[in-house]
Amino acid sequence: MATYITVADVDGLLGPTWAADDKKARAVLQANAYLTSLNLVGVDMDAIPEEVKQAGAELAVVASQGKLYQQHTEGSLEAKTVKAGSVTTSKTFASIDSSKSTSLPDGVQFALGLLGQWRGSPFSFNVYR
């Protein structure tokens, strides 16, 4: 796992009251894990850009609130009905669209916006010859 931010970085960006002292280390660990999972491309690890540090700080705040890896259970109730001749059947179910960024906490959306230039497309790949 790469280390993009430290507790001192987040304290410097957001002040020392961004989270309780006993939650800071774990929140920063989760933020670094999240940033690492994004497979950021072109980030100089010897001189982390300020946007990446700010994004990491935003993720750390969300993590300190227990929302970074929280499962979303809200969705919409949908019903489908099919009729063939005199036979009718219907099905009612809950639908959760977790692919939309609007299902993410606002701090995560902000962080992803800051990281736009370093994020690769999940549908692209490198070809080496």
N, C-alpha and C. Protein backbone atom coordinates (compact mmCIF):
# COMPACT_ATOMS: atom_id res chain seq x y z
N MET A 1 0.84 -1.17 0.00
CA MET A 1 0.00 0.00 0.00
C MET A 1 0.89 1.24 0.00
N ALA A 2 0.53 2.18 -0.82
CA ALA A 2 1.26 3.44 -0.91
C ALA A 2 0.84 4.38 0.21
N THR A 3 1.75 5.23 0.64
CA THR A 3 1.44 6.23 1.66
C THR A 3 1.36 7.60 0.98
N TYR A 4 0.16 8.06 0.77
CA TYR A 4 -0.07 9.35 0.13
C TYR A 4 -0.15 10.48 1.16
N ILE A 5 -0.69 10.16 2.34
CA ILE A 5 -0.85 11.17 3.39
C ILE A 5 -0.49 10.58 4.74
N THR A 6 -0.25 11.47 5.68
CA THR A 6 0.00 11.09 7.07
C THR A 6 -0.97 11.87 7.96
N VAL A 7 -1.03 11.50 9.21
CA VAL A 7 -1.87 12.25 10.16
C VAL A 7 -1.41 13.70 10.22
N ALA A 8 -0.10 13.91 10.18
CA ALA A 8 0.43 15.29 10.22
C ALA A 8 -0.01 16.08 9.00
N ASP A 9 -0.06 15.43 7.82
CA ASP A 9 -0.54 16.11 6.61
C ASP A 9 -1.99 16.57 6.77
N VAL A 10 -2.84 15.67 7.27
CA VAL A 10 -4.26 16.00 7.43
C VAL A 10 -4.43 17.08 8.50
N ASP A 11 -3.70 16.97 9.60
CA ASP A 11 -3.75 18.01 10.63
C ASP A 11 -3.33 19.36 10.05
N GLY A 12 -2.31 19.36 9.19
CA GLY A 12 -1.85 20.60 8.58
C GLY A 12 -2.86 21.21 7.62
N LEU A 13 -3.60 20.35 6.90
CA LEU A 13 -4.59 20.84 5.94
C LEU A 13 -5.91 21.23 6.58
N LEU A 14 -6.35 20.46 7.55
CA LEU A 14 -7.69 20.65 8.11
C LEU A 14 -7.71 21.10 9.56
N GLY A 15 -6.56 21.19 10.17
CA GLY A 15 -6.51 21.54 11.59
C GLY A 15 -6.58 20.28 12.44
N PRO A 16 -6.18 20.37 13.70
CA PRO A 16 -6.10 19.18 14.54
C PRO A 16 -7.44 18.63 15.03
N THR A 17 -8.53 19.32 14.76
CA THR A 17 -9.83 18.87 15.28
C THR A 17 -10.67 18.13 14.24
N TRP A 18 -10.07 17.66 13.15
CA TRP A 18 -10.84 16.99 12.09
C TRP A 18 -11.40 15.65 12.55
N ALA A 19 -10.78 15.05 13.56
CA ALA A 19 -11.27 13.78 14.12
C ALA A 19 -10.71 13.63 15.52
N ALA A 20 -11.31 12.73 16.27
CA ALA A 20 -10.77 12.41 17.60
C ALA A 20 -9.41 11.76 17.45
N ASP A 21 -8.52 12.04 18.39
CA ASP A 21 -7.14 11.53 18.29
C ASP A 21 -7.07 10.02 18.16
N ASP A 22 -7.98 9.29 18.80
CA ASP A 22 -7.93 7.84 18.73
C ASP A 22 -8.43 7.28 17.39
N LYS A 23 -9.03 8.11 16.54
CA LYS A 23 -9.53 7.66 15.24
C LYS A 23 -8.64 8.08 14.07
N LYS A 24 -7.71 8.99 14.31
CA LYS A 24 -6.93 9.57 13.22
C LYS A 24 -6.07 8.55 12.48
N ALA A 25 -5.33 7.72 13.19
CA ALA A 25 -4.41 6.78 12.54
C ALA A 25 -5.17 5.81 11.64
N ARG A 26 -6.27 5.26 12.13
CA ARG A 26 -7.06 4.32 11.32
C ARG A 26 -7.69 5.02 10.12
N ALA A 27 -8.17 6.24 10.31
CA ALA A 27 -8.78 6.99 9.21
C ALA A 27 -7.77 7.27 8.11
N VAL A 28 -6.56 7.63 8.47
CA VAL A 28 -5.51 7.88 7.48
C VAL A 28 -5.11 6.58 6.80
N LEU A 29 -5.04 5.49 7.54
CA LEU A 29 -4.75 4.18 6.96
C LEU A 29 -5.81 3.81 5.92
N GLN A 30 -7.08 4.00 6.26
CA GLN A 30 -8.16 3.71 5.31
C GLN A 30 -8.10 4.62 4.09
N ALA A 31 -7.78 5.89 4.30
CA ALA A 31 -7.67 6.83 3.18
C ALA A 31 -6.54 6.41 2.24
N ASN A 32 -5.40 6.02 2.80
CA ASN A 32 -4.28 5.56 1.97
C ASN A 32 -4.64 4.28 1.21
N ALA A 33 -5.36 3.37 1.86
CA ALA A 33 -5.79 2.14 1.18
C ALA A 33 -6.75 2.47 0.03
N TYR A 34 -7.66 3.41 0.26
CA TYR A 34 -8.61 3.80 -0.77
C TYR A 34 -7.88 4.44 -1.95
N LEU A 35 -6.95 5.35 -1.65
CA LEU A 35 -6.18 6.00 -2.72
C LEU A 35 -5.36 4.96 -3.50
N THR A 36 -4.78 4.00 -2.80
CA THR A 36 -4.00 2.96 -3.46
C THR A 36 -4.88 2.14 -4.39
N SER A 37 -6.10 1.84 -3.96
CA SER A 37 -7.00 1.03 -4.78
C SER A 37 -7.45 1.75 -6.04
N LEU A 38 -7.30 3.06 -6.10
CA LEU A 38 -7.68 3.82 -7.29
C LEU A 38 -6.65 3.70 -8.41
N ASN A 39 -5.49 3.12 -8.11
CA ASN A 39 -4.42 2.96 -9.11
C ASN A 39 -4.10 4.28 -9.81
N LEU A 40 -3.78 5.28 -9.02
CA LEU A 40 -3.47 6.60 -9.57
C LEU A 40 -2.24 6.52 -10.45
N VAL A 41 -2.30 7.18 -11.60
CA VAL A 41 -1.22 7.11 -12.59
C VAL A 41 -0.48 8.44 -12.61
N GLY A 42 0.84 8.40 -12.55
CA GLY A 42 1.66 9.59 -12.71
C GLY A 42 1.86 10.42 -11.46
N VAL A 43 1.52 9.88 -10.29
CA VAL A 43 1.73 10.61 -9.04
C VAL A 43 3.17 10.40 -8.59
N ASP A 44 3.92 11.49 -8.44
CA ASP A 44 5.30 11.41 -7.97
C ASP A 44 5.28 11.15 -6.47
N MET A 45 5.65 9.95 -6.08
CA MET A 45 5.57 9.56 -4.66
C MET A 45 6.62 10.28 -3.81
N ASP A 46 7.62 10.87 -4.43
CA ASP A 46 8.62 11.62 -3.67
C ASP A 46 8.16 13.05 -3.39
N ALA A 47 7.23 13.53 -4.19
CA ALA A 47 6.66 14.87 -3.99
C ALA A 47 5.17 14.79 -4.31
N ILE A 48 4.39 14.33 -3.33
CA ILE A 48 2.95 14.13 -3.52
C ILE A 48 2.31 15.49 -3.84
N PRO A 49 1.56 15.58 -4.96
CA PRO A 49 0.89 16.85 -5.29
C PRO A 49 -0.12 17.25 -4.22
N GLU A 50 -0.33 18.54 -4.08
CA GLU A 50 -1.24 19.07 -3.06
C GLU A 50 -2.67 18.57 -3.26
N GLU A 51 -3.10 18.41 -4.53
CA GLU A 51 -4.45 17.92 -4.78
C GLU A 51 -4.64 16.51 -4.24
N VAL A 52 -3.60 15.68 -4.36
CA VAL A 52 -3.68 14.31 -3.86
C VAL A 52 -3.72 14.31 -2.33
N LYS A 53 -2.91 15.17 -1.72
CA LYS A 53 -2.95 15.28 -0.26
C LYS A 53 -4.30 15.78 0.23
N GLN A 54 -4.87 16.77 -0.48
CA GLN A 54 -6.19 17.29 -0.09
C GLN A 54 -7.25 16.20 -0.25
N ALA A 55 -7.17 15.45 -1.34
CA ALA A 55 -8.12 14.34 -1.55
C ALA A 55 -7.97 13.31 -0.44
N GLY A 56 -6.74 13.00 -0.06
CA GLY A 56 -6.50 12.06 1.02
C GLY A 56 -7.06 12.57 2.34
N ALA A 57 -6.92 13.87 2.57
CA ALA A 57 -7.47 14.46 3.80
C ALA A 57 -8.99 14.35 3.81
N GLU A 58 -9.63 14.61 2.68
CA GLU A 58 -11.09 14.49 2.59
C GLU A 58 -11.53 13.05 2.85
N LEU A 59 -10.79 12.10 2.28
CA LEU A 59 -11.11 10.69 2.50
C LEU A 59 -10.91 10.30 3.96
N ALA A 60 -9.88 10.86 4.60
CA ALA A 60 -9.62 10.56 6.00
C ALA A 60 -10.76 11.05 6.88
N VAL A 61 -11.31 12.22 6.57
CA VAL A 61 -12.44 12.74 7.35
C VAL A 61 -13.64 11.81 7.20
N VAL A 62 -13.92 11.40 5.97
CA VAL A 62 -15.05 10.49 5.74
C VAL A 62 -14.81 9.16 6.47
N ALA A 63 -13.56 8.68 6.43
CA ALA A 63 -13.23 7.43 7.12
C ALA A 63 -13.39 7.57 8.63
N SER A 64 -13.03 8.73 9.17
CA SER A 64 -13.16 8.93 10.62
C SER A 64 -14.61 8.92 11.07
N GLN A 65 -15.52 9.19 10.14
CA GLN A 65 -16.95 9.17 10.43
C GLN A 65 -17.56 7.79 10.18
N GLY A 66 -16.72 6.84 9.72
CA GLY A 66 -17.20 5.48 9.46
C GLY A 66 -17.98 5.34 8.18
N LYS A 67 -17.78 6.24 7.23
CA LYS A 67 -18.57 6.23 6.00
C LYS A 67 -17.79 5.86 4.74
N LEU A 68 -16.48 5.70 4.84
CA LEU A 68 -15.69 5.45 3.63
C LEU A 68 -15.97 4.08 3.03
N TYR A 69 -16.09 3.07 3.86
CA TYR A 69 -16.36 1.72 3.38
C TYR A 69 -17.75 1.24 3.81
N GLN A 70 -18.66 2.17 4.03
CA GLN A 70 -20.01 1.85 4.46
C GLN A 70 -20.82 1.33 3.28
N GLN A 71 -21.58 0.29 3.52
CA GLN A 71 -22.46 -0.26 2.50
C GLN A 71 -23.72 0.58 2.41
N HIS A 72 -24.17 0.83 1.19
CA HIS A 72 -25.39 1.60 0.99
C HIS A 72 -26.58 0.66 0.89
N THR A 73 -27.60 0.94 1.68
CA THR A 73 -28.76 0.07 1.70
C THR A 73 -30.01 0.78 1.22
N GLU A 74 -29.87 2.00 0.76
CA GLU A 74 -31.03 2.72 0.26
C GLU A 74 -31.15 2.50 -1.24
N GLY A 75 -32.36 2.41 -1.71
CA GLY A 75 -32.58 2.22 -3.13
C GLY A 75 -34.01 2.55 -3.45
N SER A 76 -34.47 1.99 -4.55
CA SER A 76 -35.86 2.23 -4.94
C SER A 76 -36.60 0.91 -5.04
N LEU A 77 -37.88 0.97 -4.83
CA LEU A 77 -38.72 -0.20 -4.94
C LEU A 77 -39.29 -0.23 -6.35
N GLU A 78 -39.09 -1.35 -7.03
CA GLU A 78 -39.54 -1.47 -8.40
C GLU A 78 -40.44 -2.68 -8.54
N ALA A 79 -41.33 -2.60 -9.51
CA ALA A 79 -42.25 -3.71 -9.77
C ALA A 79 -42.31 -3.94 -11.27
N LYS A 80 -42.36 -5.21 -11.65
CA LYS A 80 -42.50 -5.57 -13.06
C LYS A 80 -43.67 -6.53 -13.18
N THR A 81 -44.48 -6.30 -14.19
CA THR A 81 -45.63 -7.15 -14.44
C THR A 81 -45.56 -7.66 -15.87
N VAL A 82 -45.81 -8.94 -16.05
CA VAL A 82 -45.82 -9.56 -17.37
C VAL A 82 -47.16 -10.26 -17.55
N LYS A 83 -47.75 -10.06 -18.74
CA LYS A 83 -49.03 -10.70 -19.01
C LYS A 83 -48.93 -11.45 -20.33
N ALA A 84 -49.33 -12.70 -20.29
CA ALA A 84 -49.36 -13.53 -21.49
C ALA A 84 -50.72 -14.20 -21.55
N GLY A 85 -51.57 -13.70 -22.41
CA GLY A 85 -52.93 -14.23 -22.48
C GLY A 85 -53.68 -13.89 -21.21
N SER A 86 -54.22 -14.92 -20.56
CA SER A 86 -54.97 -14.70 -19.33
C SER A 86 -54.11 -14.83 -18.07
N VAL A 87 -52.81 -15.12 -18.26
CA VAL A 87 -51.91 -15.30 -17.12
C VAL A 87 -51.12 -14.02 -16.88
N THR A 88 -51.13 -13.56 -15.64
CA THR A 88 -50.39 -12.36 -15.26
C THR A 88 -49.49 -12.70 -14.07
N THR A 89 -48.27 -12.23 -14.15
CA THR A 89 -47.35 -12.41 -13.03
C THR A 89 -46.67 -11.08 -12.75
N SER A 90 -46.41 -10.83 -11.49
CA SER A 90 -45.72 -9.59 -11.13
C SER A 90 -44.65 -9.89 -10.09
N LYS A 91 -43.65 -9.05 -10.12
CA LYS A 91 -42.52 -9.21 -9.20
C LYS A 91 -42.17 -7.84 -8.66
N THR A 92 -42.01 -7.73 -7.36
CA THR A 92 -41.62 -6.48 -6.72
C THR A 92 -40.27 -6.70 -6.03
N PHE A 93 -39.36 -5.76 -6.24
CA PHE A 93 -38.02 -5.92 -5.68
C PHE A 93 -37.40 -4.56 -5.42
N ALA A 94 -36.36 -4.57 -4.60
CA ALA A 94 -35.60 -3.35 -4.31
C ALA A 94 -34.41 -3.29 -5.25
N SER A 95 -34.09 -2.09 -5.68
CA SER A 95 -32.98 -1.90 -6.61
C SER A 95 -32.02 -0.86 -6.04
N ILE A 96 -30.75 -1.21 -5.98
CA ILE A 96 -29.71 -0.28 -5.54
C ILE A 96 -28.72 -0.11 -6.67
N ASP A 97 -28.52 1.11 -7.13
CA ASP A 97 -27.55 1.37 -8.19
C ASP A 97 -26.28 1.90 -7.55
N SER A 98 -25.36 1.00 -7.24
CA SER A 98 -24.12 1.40 -6.57
C SER A 98 -23.07 1.92 -7.54
N SER A 99 -23.36 1.91 -8.84
CA SER A 99 -22.39 2.39 -9.81
C SER A 99 -22.40 3.91 -9.92
N LYS A 100 -23.44 4.55 -9.43
CA LYS A 100 -23.52 6.01 -9.52
C LYS A 100 -22.69 6.65 -8.41
N SER A 101 -22.01 7.72 -8.75
CA SER A 101 -21.20 8.41 -7.76
C SER A 101 -22.06 9.14 -6.74
N THR A 102 -23.33 9.37 -7.04
CA THR A 102 -24.19 10.06 -6.09
C THR A 102 -24.48 9.20 -4.87
N SER A 103 -24.18 7.90 -4.95
CA SER A 103 -24.37 7.05 -3.78
C SER A 103 -23.18 7.14 -2.83
N LEU A 104 -22.16 7.91 -3.20
CA LEU A 104 -20.98 8.09 -2.37
C LEU A 104 -21.15 9.32 -1.48
N PRO A 105 -20.54 9.31 -0.29
CA PRO A 105 -20.57 10.52 0.55
C PRO A 105 -19.94 11.70 -0.17
N ASP A 106 -20.35 12.91 0.18
CA ASP A 106 -19.87 14.09 -0.53
C ASP A 106 -18.36 14.27 -0.44
N GLY A 107 -17.75 13.90 0.68
CA GLY A 107 -16.29 14.01 0.80
C GLY A 107 -15.56 13.09 -0.18
N VAL A 108 -16.12 11.92 -0.43
CA VAL A 108 -15.51 10.99 -1.39
C VAL A 108 -15.68 11.53 -2.80
N GLN A 109 -16.85 12.08 -3.11
CA GLN A 109 -17.06 12.67 -4.44
C GLN A 109 -16.09 13.82 -4.68
N PHE A 110 -15.88 14.65 -3.66
CA PHE A 110 -14.94 15.76 -3.77
C PHE A 110 -13.52 15.24 -4.00
N ALA A 111 -13.13 14.22 -3.25
CA ALA A 111 -11.80 13.64 -3.40
C ALA A 111 -11.61 13.07 -4.80
N LEU A 112 -12.59 12.38 -5.31
CA LEU A 112 -12.49 11.81 -6.66
C LEU A 112 -12.39 12.91 -7.71
N GLY A 113 -13.08 14.02 -7.47
CA GLY A 113 -12.96 15.16 -8.37
C GLY A 113 -11.56 15.75 -8.37
N LEU A 114 -10.94 15.82 -7.20
CA LEU A 114 -9.57 16.33 -7.10
C LEU A 114 -8.57 15.41 -7.79
N LEU A 115 -8.87 14.13 -7.84
CA LEU A 115 -7.94 13.14 -8.39
C LEU A 115 -8.15 12.86 -9.87
N GLY A 116 -9.03 13.57 -10.51
CA GLY A 116 -9.40 13.29 -11.89
C GLY A 116 -8.24 13.12 -12.85
N GLN A 117 -7.23 13.96 -12.75
CA GLN A 117 -6.13 13.90 -13.72
C GLN A 117 -5.21 12.69 -13.52
N TRP A 118 -5.30 12.03 -12.37
CA TRP A 118 -4.44 10.86 -12.11
C TRP A 118 -5.20 9.54 -12.22
N ARG A 119 -6.49 9.62 -12.40
CA ARG A 119 -7.29 8.38 -12.47
C ARG A 119 -7.36 7.92 -13.91
N GLY A 120 -7.10 6.64 -14.10
CA GLY A 120 -7.23 6.05 -15.42
C GLY A 120 -8.63 5.51 -15.60
N SER A 121 -8.98 5.25 -16.82
CA SER A 121 -10.29 4.67 -17.11
C SER A 121 -10.27 3.20 -16.71
N PRO A 122 -11.31 2.71 -16.04
CA PRO A 122 -11.35 1.29 -15.68
C PRO A 122 -11.50 0.40 -16.90
N PHE A 123 -11.80 1.00 -18.07
CA PHE A 123 -11.99 0.23 -19.29
C PHE A 123 -10.77 0.30 -20.21
N SER A 124 -9.68 0.91 -19.74
CA SER A 124 -8.47 0.98 -20.55
C SER A 124 -7.38 0.13 -19.95
N PHE A 125 -6.39 -0.20 -20.75
CA PHE A 125 -5.27 -1.00 -20.28
C PHE A 125 -4.04 -0.63 -21.09
N ASN A 126 -2.87 -0.91 -20.52
CA ASN A 126 -1.61 -0.62 -21.18
C ASN A 126 -1.22 -1.81 -22.08
N VAL A 127 -0.66 -1.47 -23.23
CA VAL A 127 -0.15 -2.50 -24.13
C VAL A 127 1.35 -2.28 -24.25
N TYR A 128 2.11 -3.30 -23.91
CA TYR A 128 3.56 -3.22 -24.00
C TYR A 128 4.02 -4.11 -25.14
N ARG A 129 4.89 -3.60 -25.99
CA ARG A 129 5.40 -4.40 -27.12
C ARG A 129 6.88 -4.60 -26.99
